[in-house]
Amino acid sequence: MIAQPLDIRGRCFNLIGISVFAQALLLILSPSTSAFFRSDDTRRDDATRLIGPGWSQKTITGELCSWDPTAKAHVICVLGCECPVARFYANKLQSMAKEFDGKGVLFLAVMGLIQDDIPKIEGFLKETEISFPVIRDEEQIHLTNLRATRTPEVFVLDQNGDIVYRGRIDDQMAPGVKKNQASTKELIDALDAVIANRPVSSPTTAAAGCLITYRNQSVVRINQATPSETSAQPSVRTELEKSQQEPAAPTYATDIAPIFYKHCYDCHRPGDIGPFDISQVDEIRGWGDMIVEVIENGRMPPWHASPDHGEFRNARSLSAAEKETIRTWVAAGSPLGDLDQLPEPPIVKTGWQLPTEPDLIVPMRESPYTVPPTGTVEYQYFVVDPKLTEDRWIKAAQVIPGNASIVHHAIVFIRPPDGEPIKGVSWLTSFVP
C-alpha cells in the first residue's frame, strides 16, 4: 500500500575482464597502467600482510589489487552487506571516489564480516553500484590489523602506509539516527589535508555503525611469557578443563532461538524491515556483539511503554533474565548447539489480521510511491477519498504496506469533508513493525 518493492539491481555490475584506471577509479575498456589495480600484475596475492607499501591481494572478482606508491592516499573502507548504516554510506563512498578522481586518492573496500559470503557481497555491490576494488577478508586479518570496530569505518593511509585518519565518514547517519544532511565531513576534511600536505586536524573519530563481531579463537590466549615464567605460574586451564568446571553456555538451538522468535522474528525475517534474518544460523553469530549493544541501550526490541504503568499482552521488551542469557551466549562465542533441537520459526500471519475480510479497501494512491535508493525522504502525507456516500461506523481498520522492508511506520487519520471543522485528533489506525 505504501510502495512496491524497490529494485535497483537492474544495473548489473561486473569487473571481470575490465581494468580500472587507478587515479580515476572508473570502469574503462582500455588496459590499465595502475600499480594499484591491474590484471597483469605479477606480484603475489598476500592476504596476510598489512595493507601498505608492497601489499597486494586479489579482489572478489579475481583482479589483483596492489598498493600504489604514487598515490597521495589510500582510503580503506570497512563495510558490511546488511548494516543499514554501511548500506547508506556505500553510495556516499562511491561518490567520494569519483570526487577525488585525479587527485591521487584511491579507495578500497574490505569486507570481513562473518555473515558476509561472496554471493552476498556480490549482491551488495550490484545494489550499491560500488566500482572501486573490494577484497574479502575471510579470516579478518585486515580487520584485526586495522583494529576496526564497526561498519562502516574508514581509514586514510598516507604514502608511507601510516594511518592518518580513522573513524566515521560524516555525522549524517548512525544506528537509529539519520539527519537530512551532514553537518560535518571528517573523511573529506582528512583527504583535503593529506592532498595539501597538512596534518589531519582530527585524526580519530568514533565510527558510527554496526559493531563487528570477530571470530573466536579455538585456543585460549595467555600472556606472552618465557618458559621459565610460565613454569612458575599456575597451570593454564584449557578449554576442555573449563568446560568441565563451568556451567555450559547457552546455545542458539535451545536457549536463544526461542527468545529471538518471541521478541524479534516479526521484523527480522525475509521480506520485512529488519536488516537480517534472525533465524539463519549461518549468519546469526556475526551479529552477536551488535545484538548485545542494541538490547543494552534499549533500541531493540522497539518498545517504549513504561513498566511503571502496568503490563501489556503484546509487550516486546526483554526480561532481565532473557538479556543476561543473550549476553552470556555472545560472550561464549555464540555457540549454535545441537541444531536438531532447533525449533521451527513461528508462522507469521501476513495480510489482513482482521477477524473477517474487509468491507472496504482504500488504496493510498493510484500508483506506488517510489522510494529513492539514497537520500532522505521527508514525511509524506496522502489524502484519500474513501468515496462513502453515507455515515458508517468503523469497527476495525488495518494498514498493509506494499513493501514492509522499507516502511518504518504509517498513521491514518480521519479528515472530515472539505469545509467542515476538524474536531479532535481523529486517529484511526497505524502500521508499526
Protein backbone atom coordinates (compact mmCIF):
# COMPACT_ATOMS: atom_id res chain seq x y z
CA MET A 1 0.00 0.00 0.00
CA ILE A 2 2.91 2.31 0.67
CA ALA A 3 5.22 1.28 -2.15
CA GLN A 4 6.11 -1.58 -4.41
CA PRO A 5 9.36 -3.45 -3.80
CA LEU A 6 12.33 -1.28 -4.60
CA ASP A 7 14.63 -2.85 -7.17
CA ILE A 8 17.85 -1.06 -8.05
CA ARG A 9 19.64 -4.22 -9.07
CA GLY A 10 18.87 -3.96 -12.74
CA ARG A 11 22.17 -2.25 -13.48
CA CYS A 12 24.44 -5.28 -13.28
CA PHE A 13 27.97 -4.60 -12.04
CA ASN A 14 30.83 -6.81 -13.15
CA LEU A 15 34.54 -6.08 -13.08
CA ILE A 16 35.66 -9.36 -14.64
CA GLY A 17 37.78 -8.72 -17.70
CA ILE A 18 37.70 -4.93 -17.18
CA SER A 19 40.64 -2.89 -15.97
CA VAL A 20 40.40 0.10 -13.68
CA PHE A 21 42.33 3.34 -14.09
CA ALA A 22 43.92 3.93 -10.67
CA GLN A 23 43.62 7.69 -10.44
CA ALA A 24 40.00 7.84 -11.59
CA LEU A 25 38.72 4.51 -10.29
CA LEU A 26 36.29 4.46 -13.20
CA LEU A 27 35.39 1.48 -15.36
CA ILE A 28 37.10 1.79 -18.74
CA LEU A 29 37.77 -0.51 -21.65
CA SER A 30 41.45 0.23 -22.27
CA PRO A 31 44.29 -1.62 -20.49
CA SER A 32 45.23 -0.22 -17.09
CA THR A 33 48.67 1.09 -16.20
CA SER A 34 47.98 1.44 -12.48
CA ALA A 35 50.09 -0.24 -9.86
CA PHE A 36 47.06 -0.25 -7.57
CA PHE A 37 44.74 -2.45 -9.58
CA ARG A 38 45.72 -4.25 -12.76
CA SER A 39 45.04 -7.70 -14.14
CA ASP A 40 48.60 -8.36 -15.39
CA ASP A 41 50.26 -7.73 -12.04
CA THR A 42 52.76 -10.49 -11.24
CA ARG A 43 53.08 -9.79 -7.53
CA ARG A 44 51.76 -12.49 -5.29
CA ASP A 45 48.41 -12.45 -3.56
CA ASP A 46 49.28 -11.74 0.09
CA ALA A 47 46.09 -11.55 2.15
CA THR A 48 48.05 -11.85 5.41
CA ARG A 49 50.09 -8.68 5.02
CA LEU A 50 49.05 -5.32 6.42
CA ILE A 51 47.68 -3.05 3.71
CA GLY A 52 50.52 -0.68 2.88
CA PRO A 53 53.64 -0.44 0.69
CA GLY A 54 54.30 -3.74 -1.08
CA TRP A 55 50.86 -5.19 -0.33
CA SER A 56 48.78 -6.93 -2.98
CA GLN A 57 45.71 -9.17 -2.89
CA LYS A 58 43.08 -10.44 -5.26
CA THR A 59 39.67 -8.79 -5.21
CA ILE A 60 36.46 -10.79 -5.12
CA THR A 61 36.39 -10.56 -8.93
CA GLY A 62 39.83 -12.12 -9.29
CA GLU A 63 41.78 -8.96 -10.17
CA LEU A 64 45.00 -8.31 -8.30
CA CYS A 65 44.80 -5.15 -6.22
CA SER A 66 48.16 -3.65 -5.22
CA TRP A 67 49.46 -0.73 -3.23
CA ASP A 68 50.18 2.29 -5.45
CA PRO A 69 53.31 4.10 -4.19
CA THR A 70 52.50 7.14 -6.34
CA ALA A 71 49.10 7.76 -4.72
CA LYS A 72 48.72 10.58 -2.21
CA ALA A 73 46.41 8.49 -0.02
CA HIS A 74 44.57 5.20 0.12
CA VAL A 75 41.12 5.05 1.74
CA ILE A 76 40.29 1.70 3.31
CA CYS A 77 36.52 1.34 3.75
CA VAL A 78 35.35 -1.39 6.11
CA LEU A 79 31.82 -2.31 5.02
CA GLY A 80 29.10 -4.86 5.77
CA CYS A 81 26.37 -6.10 3.47
CA GLU A 82 23.35 -5.81 5.76
CA CYS A 83 24.21 -3.00 8.16
CA PRO A 84 21.78 -0.14 7.32
CA VAL A 85 24.44 2.46 8.10
CA ALA A 86 27.01 0.79 5.84
CA ARG A 87 24.45 0.48 3.05
CA PHE A 88 23.63 4.17 3.33
CA TYR A 89 27.26 5.26 3.20
CA ALA A 90 28.23 2.90 0.36
CA ASN A 91 26.72 5.32 -2.13
CA LYS A 92 28.47 8.26 -0.48
CA LEU A 93 31.82 6.49 -0.67
CA GLN A 94 31.28 5.76 -4.35
CA SER A 95 30.55 9.46 -4.93
CA MET A 96 33.66 10.44 -2.98
CA ALA A 97 35.79 8.06 -5.05
CA LYS A 98 34.59 9.94 -8.13
CA GLU A 99 35.01 13.32 -6.44
CA PHE A 100 38.67 12.60 -5.69
CA ASP A 101 39.23 11.17 -9.14
CA GLY A 102 42.52 12.53 -10.43
CA LYS A 103 43.65 13.84 -7.04
CA GLY A 104 45.81 10.84 -6.20
CA VAL A 105 43.35 9.20 -3.77
CA LEU A 106 42.43 5.53 -4.15
CA PHE A 107 39.51 3.76 -2.48
CA LEU A 108 39.42 0.11 -1.39
CA ALA A 109 36.63 -1.76 0.41
CA VAL A 110 37.37 -4.53 2.92
CA MET A 111 34.53 -6.97 3.58
CA GLY A 112 35.32 -9.24 6.52
CA LEU A 113 32.14 -9.89 8.47
CA ILE A 114 31.43 -13.47 9.50
CA GLN A 115 27.99 -13.38 7.91
CA ASP A 116 29.05 -11.88 4.56
CA ASP A 117 29.94 -14.55 2.00
CA ILE A 118 30.90 -13.92 -1.64
CA PRO A 119 27.36 -14.19 -3.12
CA LYS A 120 26.06 -11.76 -0.53
CA ILE A 121 28.91 -9.33 -1.21
CA GLU A 122 28.28 -9.55 -4.95
CA GLY A 123 24.63 -8.69 -4.39
CA PHE A 124 25.62 -5.78 -2.16
CA LEU A 125 27.92 -4.38 -4.85
CA LYS A 126 25.23 -4.63 -7.51
CA GLU A 127 22.72 -2.79 -5.34
CA THR A 128 25.10 -0.06 -4.20
CA GLU A 129 26.95 0.19 -7.53
CA ILE A 130 30.38 0.40 -5.90
CA SER A 131 33.03 0.38 -8.63
CA PHE A 132 36.25 0.65 -6.62
CA PRO A 133 38.13 -2.56 -5.66
CA VAL A 134 36.65 -4.83 -2.99
CA ILE A 135 38.55 -7.57 -1.14
CA ARG A 136 37.21 -10.36 1.04
CA ASP A 137 38.86 -10.57 4.46
CA GLU A 138 37.56 -14.00 5.38
CA GLU A 139 39.99 -14.57 8.23
CA GLN A 140 39.53 -10.98 9.46
CA ILE A 141 43.26 -10.36 9.24
CA HIS A 142 42.90 -6.86 7.84
CA LEU A 143 40.12 -6.00 10.29
CA THR A 144 42.37 -7.12 13.12
CA ASN A 145 45.39 -5.18 11.83
CA LEU A 146 43.28 -2.05 11.40
CA ARG A 147 41.54 -2.64 14.74
CA ALA A 148 38.25 -1.93 13.04
CA THR A 149 35.25 -1.83 15.33
CA ARG A 150 32.21 -1.03 13.16
CA THR A 151 30.80 -0.92 9.67
CA PRO A 152 31.20 1.50 8.09
CA GLU A 153 34.60 2.64 9.31
CA VAL A 154 37.19 4.36 7.12
CA PHE A 155 40.97 4.53 7.36
CA VAL A 156 43.09 7.03 5.44
CA LEU A 157 46.66 5.84 4.81
CA ASP A 158 49.37 8.22 3.63
CA GLN A 159 52.12 7.33 1.13
CA ASN A 160 54.10 5.55 3.87
CA GLY A 161 51.12 3.37 4.78
CA ASP A 162 50.59 5.15 8.09
CA ILE A 163 47.02 5.68 9.26
CA VAL A 164 46.46 9.43 9.42
CA TYR A 165 42.68 9.26 9.93
CA ARG A 166 40.28 6.64 11.22
CA GLY A 167 36.61 6.81 12.12
CA ARG A 168 33.35 7.94 10.58
CA ILE A 169 32.66 9.41 7.16
CA ASP A 170 30.47 12.24 8.46
CA ASP A 171 27.71 12.72 11.04
CA GLN A 172 24.64 12.25 8.83
CA MET A 173 23.72 8.75 9.96
CA ALA A 174 24.22 6.43 12.92
CA PRO A 175 22.15 3.50 14.19
CA GLY A 176 18.70 4.89 14.96
CA VAL A 177 19.62 8.43 13.80
CA LYS A 178 19.50 9.99 10.34
CA LYS A 179 19.82 13.68 9.55
CA ASN A 180 18.64 15.42 6.40
CA GLN A 181 22.22 16.37 5.72
CA ALA A 182 25.62 16.07 7.35
CA SER A 183 26.94 18.94 9.46
CA THR A 184 30.50 17.56 9.48
CA LYS A 185 32.62 15.91 6.77
CA GLU A 186 35.51 14.25 8.56
CA LEU A 187 36.65 11.98 5.71
CA ILE A 188 36.67 14.74 3.10
CA ASP A 189 38.49 17.06 5.51
CA ALA A 190 41.13 14.40 6.15
CA LEU A 191 41.67 13.79 2.43
CA ASP A 192 41.90 17.50 1.70
CA ALA A 193 44.58 17.79 4.40
CA VAL A 194 46.61 14.86 3.05
CA ILE A 195 46.44 16.20 -0.51
CA ALA A 196 47.62 19.61 0.72
CA ASN A 197 50.42 18.03 2.80
CA ARG A 198 48.84 19.31 6.01
CA PRO A 199 48.33 17.36 9.26
CA VAL A 200 44.82 15.99 9.72
CA SER A 201 43.21 18.15 12.39
CA SER A 202 41.03 15.36 13.83
CA PRO A 203 42.86 12.09 13.16
CA THR A 204 40.42 9.93 15.13
CA THR A 205 36.64 9.97 15.44
CA ALA A 206 34.21 7.39 16.75
CA ALA A 207 32.84 5.24 13.95
CA ALA A 208 29.05 5.12 13.86
CA GLY A 209 27.57 1.91 12.58
CA CYS A 210 27.14 -1.79 13.32
CA LEU A 211 29.57 -3.48 15.68
CA ILE A 212 31.90 -6.06 14.15
CA THR A 213 31.88 -9.49 15.76
CA TYR A 214 35.26 -11.16 15.46
CA ARG A 215 35.76 -14.89 15.08
CA ASN A 216 36.51 -16.68 18.34
CA GLN A 217 39.90 -18.32 18.63
CA SER A 218 39.98 -22.07 19.28
CA VAL A 219 43.00 -21.77 21.56
CA VAL A 220 42.99 -19.91 24.87
CA ARG A 221 45.32 -16.93 24.56
CA ILE A 222 47.62 -16.31 27.51
CA ASN A 223 50.08 -13.53 28.20
CA GLN A 224 53.33 -13.91 26.29
CA ALA A 225 55.88 -15.26 28.77
CA THR A 226 59.20 -17.04 28.77
CA PRO A 227 59.23 -20.79 29.51
CA SER A 228 60.66 -20.16 32.99
CA GLU A 229 57.96 -17.59 33.75
CA THR A 230 55.29 -19.95 32.51
CA SER A 231 56.54 -22.84 34.66
CA ALA A 232 56.46 -20.63 37.73
CA GLN A 233 52.82 -19.73 37.17
CA PRO A 234 49.78 -21.84 37.98
CA SER A 235 48.81 -24.10 35.10
CA VAL A 236 46.63 -22.51 32.45
CA ARG A 237 43.21 -24.13 32.09
CA THR A 238 42.45 -25.49 28.66
CA GLU A 239 39.06 -25.12 27.03
CA LEU A 240 38.28 -28.74 27.94
CA GLU A 241 39.10 -28.17 31.62
CA LYS A 242 36.99 -25.00 31.66
CA SER A 243 34.04 -26.81 30.10
CA GLN A 244 34.26 -29.50 32.79
CA GLN A 245 34.31 -26.97 35.65
CA GLU A 246 31.94 -24.26 34.44
CA PRO A 247 28.25 -24.45 33.54
CA ALA A 248 27.55 -24.98 29.88
CA ALA A 249 26.97 -21.76 27.96
CA PRO A 250 23.56 -21.11 26.42
CA THR A 251 23.19 -22.27 22.83
CA TYR A 252 21.25 -20.82 19.96
CA ALA A 253 19.28 -24.02 19.38
CA THR A 254 17.89 -24.45 22.88
CA ASP A 255 18.15 -21.08 24.64
CA ILE A 256 18.48 -18.17 22.21
CA ALA A 257 16.23 -19.05 19.28
CA PRO A 258 13.09 -19.18 21.47
CA ILE A 259 13.87 -15.66 22.76
CA PHE A 260 14.51 -14.29 19.28
CA TYR A 261 11.40 -15.96 17.87
CA LYS A 262 9.27 -14.45 20.62
CA HIS A 263 10.58 -10.88 20.51
CA CYS A 264 12.42 -10.30 17.21
CA TYR A 265 11.21 -12.54 14.39
CA ASP A 266 8.24 -10.35 13.43
CA CYS A 267 10.69 -7.87 11.86
CA HIS A 268 13.91 -9.87 11.45
CA ARG A 269 12.70 -12.30 8.80
CA PRO A 270 12.79 -12.43 4.99
CA GLY A 271 10.98 -9.53 3.34
CA ASP A 272 10.50 -7.47 6.47
CA ILE A 273 12.18 -4.34 7.80
CA GLY A 274 14.85 -5.98 9.99
CA PRO A 275 18.29 -5.91 8.30
CA PHE A 276 18.90 -9.65 8.73
CA ASP A 277 17.00 -12.90 9.23
CA ILE A 278 17.42 -13.83 12.86
CA SER A 279 16.60 -17.49 12.15
CA GLN A 280 19.57 -18.03 9.82
CA VAL A 281 22.17 -19.93 11.81
CA ASP A 282 24.88 -19.36 9.21
CA GLU A 283 24.98 -15.62 9.92
CA ILE A 284 23.48 -15.06 13.37
CA ARG A 285 26.85 -15.26 15.13
CA GLY A 286 28.15 -12.38 13.05
CA TRP A 287 25.58 -10.09 14.68
CA GLY A 288 26.30 -11.15 18.27
CA ASP A 289 28.03 -8.03 19.60
CA MET A 290 25.59 -5.71 17.82
CA ILE A 291 22.63 -7.60 19.28
CA VAL A 292 24.01 -7.10 22.79
CA GLU A 293 24.54 -3.38 22.16
CA VAL A 294 21.00 -2.70 20.92
CA ILE A 295 19.35 -4.58 23.79
CA GLU A 296 21.59 -2.82 26.30
CA ASN A 297 20.70 0.66 25.06
CA GLY A 298 17.03 -0.20 24.61
CA ARG A 299 16.83 0.27 20.84
CA MET A 300 15.74 -3.31 20.35
CA PRO A 301 13.23 -4.74 20.62
CA PRO A 302 11.36 -1.46 19.96
CA TRP A 303 9.12 -0.98 22.96
CA HIS A 304 8.55 2.36 24.66
CA ALA A 305 5.76 1.70 27.15
CA SER A 306 6.84 2.32 30.71
CA PRO A 307 6.71 -0.71 33.04
CA ASP A 308 5.59 1.69 35.79
CA HIS A 309 2.10 1.71 34.31
CA GLY A 310 1.31 -1.98 34.14
CA GLU A 311 1.96 -4.99 31.91
CA PHE A 312 0.92 -5.33 28.30
CA ARG A 313 -0.02 -8.50 26.50
CA ASN A 314 1.83 -7.51 23.32
CA ALA A 315 4.96 -6.23 25.09
CA ARG A 316 8.16 -6.80 23.11
CA SER A 317 10.54 -5.85 25.90
CA LEU A 318 13.06 -8.44 27.08
CA SER A 319 13.15 -9.57 30.67
CA ALA A 320 16.33 -9.15 32.71
CA ALA A 321 16.86 -12.94 32.57
CA GLU A 322 16.49 -13.00 28.79
CA LYS A 323 19.00 -10.18 28.39
CA GLU A 324 21.50 -11.97 30.62
CA THR A 325 21.08 -15.19 28.64
CA ILE A 326 21.88 -13.34 25.40
CA ARG A 327 24.91 -11.62 26.96
CA THR A 328 26.28 -14.94 28.21
CA TRP A 329 25.70 -16.59 24.83
CA VAL A 330 27.58 -13.89 22.90
CA ALA A 331 30.42 -13.80 25.44
CA ALA A 332 30.83 -17.56 24.94
CA GLY A 333 31.21 -17.15 21.18
CA SER A 334 27.54 -17.59 20.24
CA PRO A 335 27.55 -21.42 20.17
CA LEU A 336 24.88 -22.96 17.99
CA GLY A 337 24.40 -26.15 19.98
CA ASP A 338 22.52 -29.19 18.70
CA LEU A 339 20.66 -27.88 15.67
CA ASP A 340 18.42 -30.98 15.72
CA GLN A 341 16.81 -29.35 18.75
CA LEU A 342 16.28 -26.03 16.98
CA PRO A 343 12.57 -25.16 16.90
CA GLU A 344 10.94 -24.11 13.64
CA PRO A 345 10.49 -20.35 13.19
CA PRO A 346 6.99 -19.20 14.10
CA ILE A 347 4.45 -18.80 11.34
CA VAL A 348 3.85 -15.08 10.97
CA LYS A 349 0.43 -14.26 9.62
CA THR A 350 0.63 -11.82 6.75
CA GLY A 351 -2.08 -9.86 5.03
CA TRP A 352 -5.28 -8.95 6.82
CA GLN A 353 -5.27 -9.50 10.57
CA LEU A 354 -8.96 -8.64 10.92
CA PRO A 355 -11.46 -11.28 12.10
CA THR A 356 -13.21 -11.10 8.71
CA GLU A 357 -12.36 -9.91 5.21
CA PRO A 358 -12.51 -6.10 5.00
CA ASP A 359 -15.66 -4.43 3.74
CA LEU A 360 -13.69 -1.59 2.18
CA ILE A 361 -10.12 -1.38 0.85
CA VAL A 362 -8.77 2.13 0.28
CA PRO A 363 -5.51 2.38 -1.71
CA MET A 364 -3.13 5.07 -0.50
CA ARG A 365 -2.69 6.34 -4.05
CA GLU A 366 -3.30 5.16 -7.60
CA SER A 367 0.36 4.31 -8.20
CA PRO A 368 3.02 3.21 -5.69
CA TYR A 369 5.22 5.81 -4.04
CA THR A 370 8.80 5.28 -5.22
CA VAL A 371 11.50 5.38 -2.57
CA PRO A 372 14.88 6.54 -3.94
CA PRO A 373 17.91 4.32 -3.23
CA THR A 374 19.75 7.20 -1.49
CA GLY A 375 18.97 10.42 0.32
CA THR A 376 16.31 11.37 2.85
CA VAL A 377 12.58 11.03 2.28
CA GLU A 378 10.59 13.67 4.12
CA TYR A 379 7.40 12.68 5.90
CA GLN A 380 4.81 12.02 3.22
CA TYR A 381 1.12 12.96 3.51
CA PHE A 382 -1.59 11.47 1.30
CA VAL A 383 -5.27 12.47 1.24
CA VAL A 384 -7.55 9.66 0.10
CA ASP A 385 -11.28 9.77 -0.56
CA PRO A 386 -12.95 6.51 0.59
CA LYS A 387 -15.98 7.55 -1.55
CA LEU A 388 -18.52 6.86 1.19
CA THR A 389 -21.92 8.39 0.48
CA GLU A 390 -23.34 7.93 3.96
CA ASP A 391 -22.07 7.83 7.53
CA ARG A 392 -20.59 4.46 8.53
CA TRP A 393 -19.27 3.11 11.83
CA ILE A 394 -15.75 1.66 11.65
CA LYS A 395 -15.31 -1.45 13.74
CA ALA A 396 -11.72 -2.35 12.77
CA ALA A 397 -9.03 -1.00 10.47
CA GLN A 398 -5.57 -2.08 9.36
CA VAL A 399 -2.72 -0.68 7.25
CA ILE A 400 -0.89 -3.09 4.94
CA PRO A 401 2.37 -1.71 3.42
CA GLY A 402 3.21 -2.60 -0.14
CA ASN A 403 6.85 -3.21 0.82
CA ALA A 404 7.31 -3.90 4.53
CA SER A 405 11.09 -3.91 4.20
CA ILE A 406 11.23 -0.13 3.66
CA VAL A 407 8.18 1.21 5.54
CA HIS A 408 9.09 2.48 9.01
CA HIS A 409 5.54 3.39 10.07
CA ALA A 410 2.26 4.81 8.80
CA ILE A 411 -0.53 6.66 10.64
CA VAL A 412 -4.07 7.08 9.34
CA PHE A 413 -6.34 9.93 10.46
CA ILE A 414 -9.95 10.69 9.63
CA ARG A 415 -10.41 14.02 7.91
CA PRO A 416 -13.92 15.48 7.55
CA PRO A 417 -15.13 16.66 4.13
CA ASP A 418 -13.65 19.90 2.89
CA GLY A 419 -15.04 22.94 4.66
CA GLU A 420 -16.15 21.09 7.80
CA PRO A 421 -14.37 21.78 11.10
CA ILE A 422 -11.90 19.24 12.42
CA LYS A 423 -12.74 18.10 15.95
CA GLY A 424 -10.06 16.31 17.92
CA VAL A 425 -7.24 14.18 16.53
CA SER A 426 -9.47 11.62 14.75
CA TRP A 427 -6.79 8.93 14.78
CA LEU A 428 -7.95 5.77 13.01
CA THR A 429 -5.17 3.19 12.76
CA SER A 430 -1.46 2.78 12.13
CA PHE A 431 1.27 0.46 10.95
CA VAL A 432 4.31 -0.09 13.16
CA PRO A 433 6.58 -3.13 12.57
